[in-house]
Amino acid sequence: MPVAEPGDTATQAVTVTEATIDDYATVTGDDNPLHLDAEYAADGLFGGRVAHGMFTAGVVSAALAALPGDVVYDSQELSFEAPVAPGDTVTAEVEVVEQLDGDRLRVDTVAATEETTVLTGEATVLSLPHDS
């Protein structure tokens, strides 16, 4: 299997539902009421329930996994730009921008809903061949 190299891109899209937010909270134990309690969240910063920021980061992780080779995270720098609400579809796009030392790559990462960019960042990953 080939490995990722500069110029390679990948995308992943996930539609967020109240159920996916609930499931993410169950798996992680993050039960912040801004994510889970509609009445509480209605009076909060975002005016309603929102997905966990790391849920959005997980969509970026899924896009990275779609690059060639066995992709393994080394690091990720994230900036959360806007909230993601139930009903939004989050599309993550990743682009390998630089070969670093060894098998390490620098990757630009971005996620957006239909209307706005919700996450920007940069990852360092390993892209390793997978012998079948």
Foldseek 3Di string as FASTA:
>chain_A
DDWFDAFDKFKFKDAAALVVQVVVCVVVVPVPCLANPQVVVCPDPQNGHFHDPVVLVVRQVVRQCPGAARKAFPDKDKDFDDTHHHGWMKMKMKGFHDDDPDQKTKIWIWIDTPPGTGMTIITIIGGHHDDD
